[in-house]
Amino acid sequence: MTRSNRRAIAVIMLFCIEIACGFSNAFLGHGNTKATRIATELNAVSIPLLDTHSGDSNGWSRTTRRGRIEQILEHARDHQRKREQPSSRSSQELERRTKEALATNINVELETVVPIATAESKSLPFALPTLSQAQLLAVEQGEIIMEQSEMGRQGSGFVVQDIEGVDESAVWEALLNFSGYTDSIHTVRSSRLRGTTTASGAPAPAAQYGISSTTRASFEISKFRLSISCFFKYNAAKNYMELSLDDAVQNSALQAAKGFWYTQRIERPDGVPTTRVWLLCDLTLSP
């Protein structure tokens, strides 16, 4: 695989990852240190991520590495102090269990978060990746889990993130605001909406939360002005949106692309609204 191909895939994967995480600025504030850290991490992993060929039995390259244990533990300690629950374990116990999970990937019992509507996920047109217990604990502490594999000119991967203090409606309002991607996502240089229709086929001025729709949109990404045109098919009833390539428009960067957004409402003991956001994608570069 040539260096140019690796770089092209990395740029496109970074675009997908930044869509998944970039709109956090709308909730966290542009000056928030967590938002700044997210942007820094995304740019740092974009190229090295594609240079690794090691992975687990499923072919995924893990991007949550042991070198980030102390960072995760610090998040755990901060999170523990904020929650102030009488029944919560001590920060020392949480630290011990986190170290064990990250070091040995053993199964640990997680009692802090419970995904809602897990039965509904069985009827989705895609399968959610299975996270290890260590990854689940990292997600709970605010970490972004990214896994990616590469196969020649093809790349596939997923991103998952918990957004605390935000319900699903706010997440979808940000995701469906395609014209706003240029403001919230560093990689997007320009965007153009080509029309939105409802599930009945009627034209609509824009995509809206709670109303199933299909939107055609084009983007120019990175300093190389790579063009990507896509369909975004939003299923309001099942909280997912399918991303596919618009073959009617020339795409200079991609030969094939398919992905899914999915959100889960997370129930926490402290009652803080939290939404888990998933992005799954498969990409093939143009020859």
Protein backbone atom coordinates (compact mmCIF):
# COMPACT_ATOMS: atom_id res chain seq x y z
CA MET A 1 0.00 0.00 0.00
CA THR A 2 1.53 3.30 -1.08
CA ARG A 3 2.07 6.21 1.29
CA SER A 4 -0.34 8.35 -0.76
CA ASN A 5 -3.08 5.74 -0.39
CA ARG A 6 -2.48 5.53 3.36
CA ARG A 7 -2.67 9.30 3.61
CA ALA A 8 -5.86 9.49 1.53
CA ILE A 9 -7.60 6.87 3.64
CA ALA A 10 -6.40 8.60 6.79
CA VAL A 11 -7.80 11.94 5.64
CA ILE A 12 -11.18 10.40 4.86
CA MET A 13 -11.26 8.40 8.08
CA LEU A 14 -10.35 11.56 9.98
CA PHE A 15 -13.30 13.25 8.28
CA CYS A 16 -15.60 10.47 9.51
CA ILE A 17 -14.12 10.55 13.00
CA GLU A 18 -14.35 14.31 13.23
CA ILE A 19 -18.00 14.18 12.21
CA ALA A 20 -18.50 11.76 15.08
CA CYS A 21 -16.70 13.96 17.60
CA GLY A 22 -16.40 17.47 16.18
CA PHE A 23 -19.95 18.51 16.95
CA SER A 24 -19.10 18.06 20.64
CA ASN A 25 -17.95 21.68 20.45
CA ALA A 26 -21.60 22.67 20.26
CA PHE A 27 -22.17 21.06 23.64
CA LEU A 28 -18.79 21.56 25.34
CA GLY A 29 -17.90 25.01 24.03
CA HIS A 30 -15.05 25.87 21.67
CA GLY A 31 -12.82 26.89 24.57
CA ASN A 32 -13.42 23.74 26.57
CA THR A 33 -10.26 21.78 27.33
CA LYS A 34 -11.94 18.45 26.55
CA ALA A 35 -12.97 19.68 23.10
CA THR A 36 -9.41 20.86 22.50
CA ARG A 37 -8.03 17.49 23.61
CA ILE A 38 -10.41 15.64 21.29
CA ALA A 39 -9.29 17.69 18.28
CA THR A 40 -5.62 17.16 19.19
CA GLU A 41 -6.04 13.40 19.55
CA LEU A 42 -7.91 13.07 16.26
CA ASN A 43 -5.18 14.82 14.30
CA ALA A 44 -2.49 12.84 16.11
CA VAL A 45 -3.95 9.41 15.31
CA SER A 46 -5.09 10.03 11.73
CA ILE A 47 -1.90 8.91 9.93
CA PRO A 48 -0.27 6.53 12.48
CA LEU A 49 -3.57 4.70 12.77
CA LEU A 50 -3.30 3.56 9.17
CA ASP A 51 0.32 2.43 9.53
CA THR A 52 -0.43 -0.40 11.95
CA HIS A 53 -1.33 -3.90 10.77
CA SER A 54 -1.61 -5.57 14.17
CA GLY A 55 -5.03 -6.34 15.57
CA ASP A 56 -7.12 -8.81 17.47
CA SER A 57 -8.86 -11.89 16.10
CA ASN A 58 -11.50 -9.71 14.46
CA GLY A 59 -8.93 -7.73 12.50
CA TRP A 60 -9.37 -4.46 14.40
CA SER A 61 -6.41 -2.24 15.23
CA ARG A 62 -6.83 -0.98 18.78
CA THR A 63 -6.34 2.73 19.36
CA THR A 64 -6.96 2.73 23.11
CA ARG A 65 -3.43 1.85 24.20
CA ARG A 66 -1.85 1.13 27.57
CA GLY A 67 -0.01 4.43 27.32
CA ARG A 68 -3.30 6.22 28.03
CA ILE A 69 -4.02 4.35 31.27
CA GLU A 70 -3.04 7.25 33.52
CA GLN A 71 -5.18 9.66 31.49
CA ILE A 72 -8.18 7.34 31.80
CA LEU A 73 -7.57 6.93 35.51
CA GLU A 74 -7.49 10.68 36.00
CA HIS A 75 -10.85 10.95 34.24
CA ALA A 76 -12.13 8.18 36.50
CA ARG A 77 -11.03 10.03 39.63
CA ASP A 78 -12.57 13.32 38.45
CA HIS A 79 -15.78 11.57 37.49
CA GLN A 80 -15.92 9.81 40.86
CA ARG A 81 -15.56 13.06 42.79
CA LYS A 82 -18.33 14.75 40.79
CA ARG A 83 -20.87 12.01 41.25
CA GLU A 84 -20.74 11.93 45.09
CA GLN A 85 -22.92 8.86 45.39
CA PRO A 86 -23.05 7.12 48.79
CA SER A 87 -23.06 3.70 47.09
CA SER A 88 -20.18 4.47 44.72
CA ARG A 89 -16.91 2.61 45.10
CA SER A 90 -13.92 4.55 46.33
CA SER A 91 -11.65 6.14 43.74
CA GLN A 92 -8.88 3.77 44.83
CA GLU A 93 -11.08 0.75 44.09
CA LEU A 94 -12.12 2.21 40.73
CA GLU A 95 -8.46 2.84 39.92
CA ARG A 96 -7.50 -0.72 40.83
CA ARG A 97 -10.27 -2.24 38.70
CA THR A 98 -9.49 0.06 35.77
CA LYS A 99 -5.82 -0.92 35.83
CA GLU A 100 -6.76 -4.61 35.89
CA ALA A 101 -9.20 -4.20 33.02
CA LEU A 102 -6.78 -2.27 30.84
CA ALA A 103 -3.79 -4.47 31.67
CA THR A 104 -5.40 -7.90 31.32
CA ASN A 105 -8.71 -7.20 29.55
CA ILE A 106 -10.49 -9.34 32.15
CA ASN A 107 -14.23 -9.18 32.56
CA VAL A 108 -15.25 -6.69 35.22
CA GLU A 109 -18.75 -5.97 36.35
CA LEU A 110 -19.85 -2.48 35.30
CA GLU A 111 -22.69 -1.14 37.39
CA THR A 112 -22.58 2.52 36.46
CA VAL A 113 -24.20 2.77 33.01
CA VAL A 114 -26.99 0.84 31.34
CA PRO A 115 -27.81 1.23 27.62
CA ILE A 116 -31.53 1.64 26.99
CA ALA A 117 -33.46 -0.19 24.25
CA THR A 118 -30.84 -2.89 23.71
CA ALA A 119 -33.53 -5.17 22.26
CA GLU A 120 -34.13 -2.63 19.52
CA SER A 121 -30.52 -2.99 18.36
CA LYS A 122 -31.28 -6.54 17.26
CA SER A 123 -33.60 -5.21 14.56
CA LEU A 124 -31.07 -2.74 13.15
CA PRO A 125 -29.62 -3.22 9.63
CA PHE A 126 -26.10 -3.36 11.08
CA ALA A 127 -24.30 -5.03 13.97
CA LEU A 128 -22.74 -2.94 16.71
CA PRO A 129 -19.14 -3.85 17.55
CA THR A 130 -18.61 -5.66 20.83
CA LEU A 131 -16.60 -3.53 23.24
CA SER A 132 -14.35 -5.10 25.84
CA GLN A 133 -15.04 -4.30 29.48
CA ALA A 134 -11.97 -2.07 29.51
CA GLN A 135 -13.30 -0.14 26.53
CA LEU A 136 -16.74 0.19 28.12
CA LEU A 137 -15.18 1.63 31.24
CA ALA A 138 -13.09 4.04 29.16
CA VAL A 139 -16.18 5.21 27.27
CA GLU A 140 -17.96 5.84 30.56
CA GLN A 141 -15.08 8.06 31.67
CA GLY A 142 -15.47 10.24 28.57
CA GLU A 143 -12.88 8.61 26.33
CA ILE A 144 -13.38 8.23 22.58
CA ILE A 145 -12.89 4.65 21.39
CA MET A 146 -11.67 4.35 17.80
CA GLU A 147 -10.85 1.11 16.01
CA GLN A 148 -9.83 0.72 12.41
CA SER A 149 -8.55 -1.91 10.01
CA GLU A 150 -7.06 -1.48 6.57
CA MET A 151 -7.03 -3.70 3.49
CA GLY A 152 -5.14 -2.18 0.57
CA ARG A 153 -7.25 0.71 -0.74
CA GLN A 154 -10.05 -0.16 1.68
CA GLY A 155 -10.54 0.92 5.24
CA SER A 156 -13.19 0.20 7.85
CA GLY A 157 -13.67 1.20 11.43
CA PHE A 158 -15.88 2.62 14.11
CA VAL A 159 -15.98 5.41 16.67
CA VAL A 160 -18.00 5.46 19.90
CA GLN A 161 -18.33 8.25 22.43
CA ASP A 162 -20.55 9.05 25.42
CA ILE A 163 -21.73 12.66 25.55
CA GLU A 164 -22.70 13.45 29.11
CA GLY A 165 -25.40 16.00 29.90
CA VAL A 166 -26.86 15.82 26.39
CA ASP A 167 -29.98 13.96 25.25
CA GLU A 168 -30.48 12.29 21.87
CA SER A 169 -32.45 15.18 20.38
CA ALA A 170 -29.51 17.58 20.76
CA VAL A 171 -27.12 15.05 19.21
CA TRP A 172 -29.38 14.51 16.19
CA GLU A 173 -29.95 18.22 15.71
CA ALA A 174 -26.19 18.60 15.40
CA LEU A 175 -25.75 15.57 13.11
CA LEU A 176 -28.59 16.64 10.82
CA ASN A 177 -27.24 20.18 10.48
CA PHE A 178 -25.19 19.32 7.39
CA SER A 179 -24.62 22.93 6.37
CA GLY A 180 -23.05 23.55 9.79
CA TYR A 181 -20.32 20.94 9.32
CA THR A 182 -17.96 23.59 8.00
CA ASP A 183 -18.12 25.37 11.36
CA SER A 184 -17.93 22.35 13.67
CA ILE A 185 -15.62 19.96 11.77
CA HIS A 186 -12.05 21.03 11.10
CA THR A 187 -11.61 18.83 8.00
CA VAL A 188 -14.66 20.14 6.09
CA ARG A 189 -13.77 23.08 3.85
CA SER A 190 -17.16 23.53 2.19
CA SER A 191 -20.59 21.91 2.06
CA ARG A 192 -23.48 21.99 -0.38
CA LEU A 193 -26.98 20.64 0.27
CA ARG A 194 -28.64 19.07 -2.76
CA GLY A 195 -32.09 18.55 -1.28
CA THR A 196 -34.02 16.78 1.45
CA THR A 197 -37.12 14.60 1.15
CA THR A 198 -39.28 13.01 3.83
CA ALA A 199 -40.04 9.28 4.01
CA SER A 200 -43.13 9.89 1.85
CA GLY A 201 -41.02 11.53 -0.86
CA ALA A 202 -42.23 15.06 -0.17
CA PRO A 203 -39.57 17.80 -0.37
CA ALA A 204 -38.48 19.37 2.90
CA PRO A 205 -36.46 22.53 3.57
CA ALA A 206 -34.04 20.66 5.84
CA ALA A 207 -33.62 17.48 7.85
CA GLN A 208 -35.24 17.60 11.29
CA TYR A 209 -34.98 15.50 14.41
CA GLY A 210 -37.90 13.10 14.80
CA ILE A 211 -38.84 13.11 11.10
CA SER A 212 -37.39 10.38 8.87
CA SER A 213 -35.79 11.85 5.77
CA THR A 214 -33.14 11.51 3.09
CA THR A 215 -30.64 14.31 2.38
CA ARG A 216 -28.18 14.64 -0.48
CA ALA A 217 -25.08 16.66 0.40
CA SER A 218 -21.61 17.29 -0.98
CA PHE A 219 -18.46 18.20 0.92
CA GLU A 220 -14.91 19.26 0.17
CA ILE A 221 -12.53 17.95 2.80
CA SER A 222 -8.91 18.61 3.79
CA LYS A 223 -6.48 21.05 2.21
CA PHE A 224 -6.49 18.83 -0.90
CA ARG A 225 -10.17 19.69 -1.50
CA LEU A 226 -11.25 16.07 -1.90
CA SER A 227 -14.89 15.96 -2.99
CA ILE A 228 -17.41 13.57 -1.41
CA SER A 229 -21.14 13.44 -2.21
CA CYS A 230 -23.42 11.32 -0.07
CA PHE A 231 -26.95 10.31 0.80
CA PHE A 232 -27.88 10.58 4.48
CA LYS A 233 -30.94 8.42 5.18
CA TYR A 234 -32.26 9.20 8.66
CA ASN A 235 -34.53 6.70 10.43
CA ALA A 236 -36.13 8.65 13.27
CA ALA A 237 -37.97 5.66 14.77
CA LYS A 238 -34.80 3.62 15.33
CA ASN A 239 -32.31 6.43 15.97
CA TYR A 240 -29.91 5.69 13.14
CA MET A 241 -28.79 7.32 9.91
CA GLU A 242 -27.31 5.49 6.92
CA LEU A 243 -24.53 7.11 4.95
CA SER A 244 -23.96 6.00 1.34
CA LEU A 245 -22.15 7.36 -1.70
CA ASP A 246 -24.14 9.43 -4.22
CA ASP A 247 -23.26 7.76 -7.53
CA ALA A 248 -24.99 10.52 -9.51
CA VAL A 249 -22.21 12.93 -8.51
CA GLN A 250 -18.54 12.40 -9.25
CA ASN A 251 -16.53 11.62 -6.13
CA SER A 252 -12.84 12.33 -6.56
CA ALA A 253 -11.82 10.53 -3.39
CA LEU A 254 -14.06 7.51 -2.92
CA GLN A 255 -15.16 4.58 -5.05
CA ALA A 256 -17.47 3.18 -2.38
CA ALA A 257 -18.60 4.23 1.08
CA LYS A 258 -21.20 3.06 3.54
CA GLY A 259 -21.71 3.86 7.17
CA PHE A 260 -24.21 4.17 9.98
CA TRP A 261 -24.81 6.62 12.80
CA TYR A 262 -26.58 5.27 15.84
CA THR A 263 -27.46 6.74 19.22
CA GLN A 264 -28.31 5.07 22.52
CA ARG A 265 -29.78 6.71 25.59
CA ILE A 266 -27.67 5.77 28.60
CA GLU A 267 -29.23 5.46 32.04
CA ARG A 268 -26.93 6.59 34.85
CA PRO A 269 -27.49 6.25 38.58
CA ASP A 270 -27.02 10.00 39.04
CA GLY A 271 -29.76 10.74 36.49
CA VAL A 272 -27.53 12.84 34.22
CA PRO A 273 -28.78 12.54 30.60
CA THR A 274 -26.15 10.83 28.48
CA THR A 275 -26.13 9.74 24.85
CA ARG A 276 -23.82 7.12 23.37
CA VAL A 277 -22.97 7.94 19.76
CA TRP A 278 -21.72 5.33 17.28
CA LEU A 279 -20.30 5.73 13.79
CA LEU A 280 -19.49 2.65 11.69
CA CYS A 281 -18.01 3.02 8.22
CA ASP A 282 -16.47 1.10 5.31
CA LEU A 283 -14.55 3.02 2.65
CA THR A 284 -12.87 2.22 -0.68
CA LEU A 285 -10.59 4.72 -2.41
CA SER A 286 -11.03 5.67 -6.03
CA PRO A 287 -8.42 4.04 -8.28
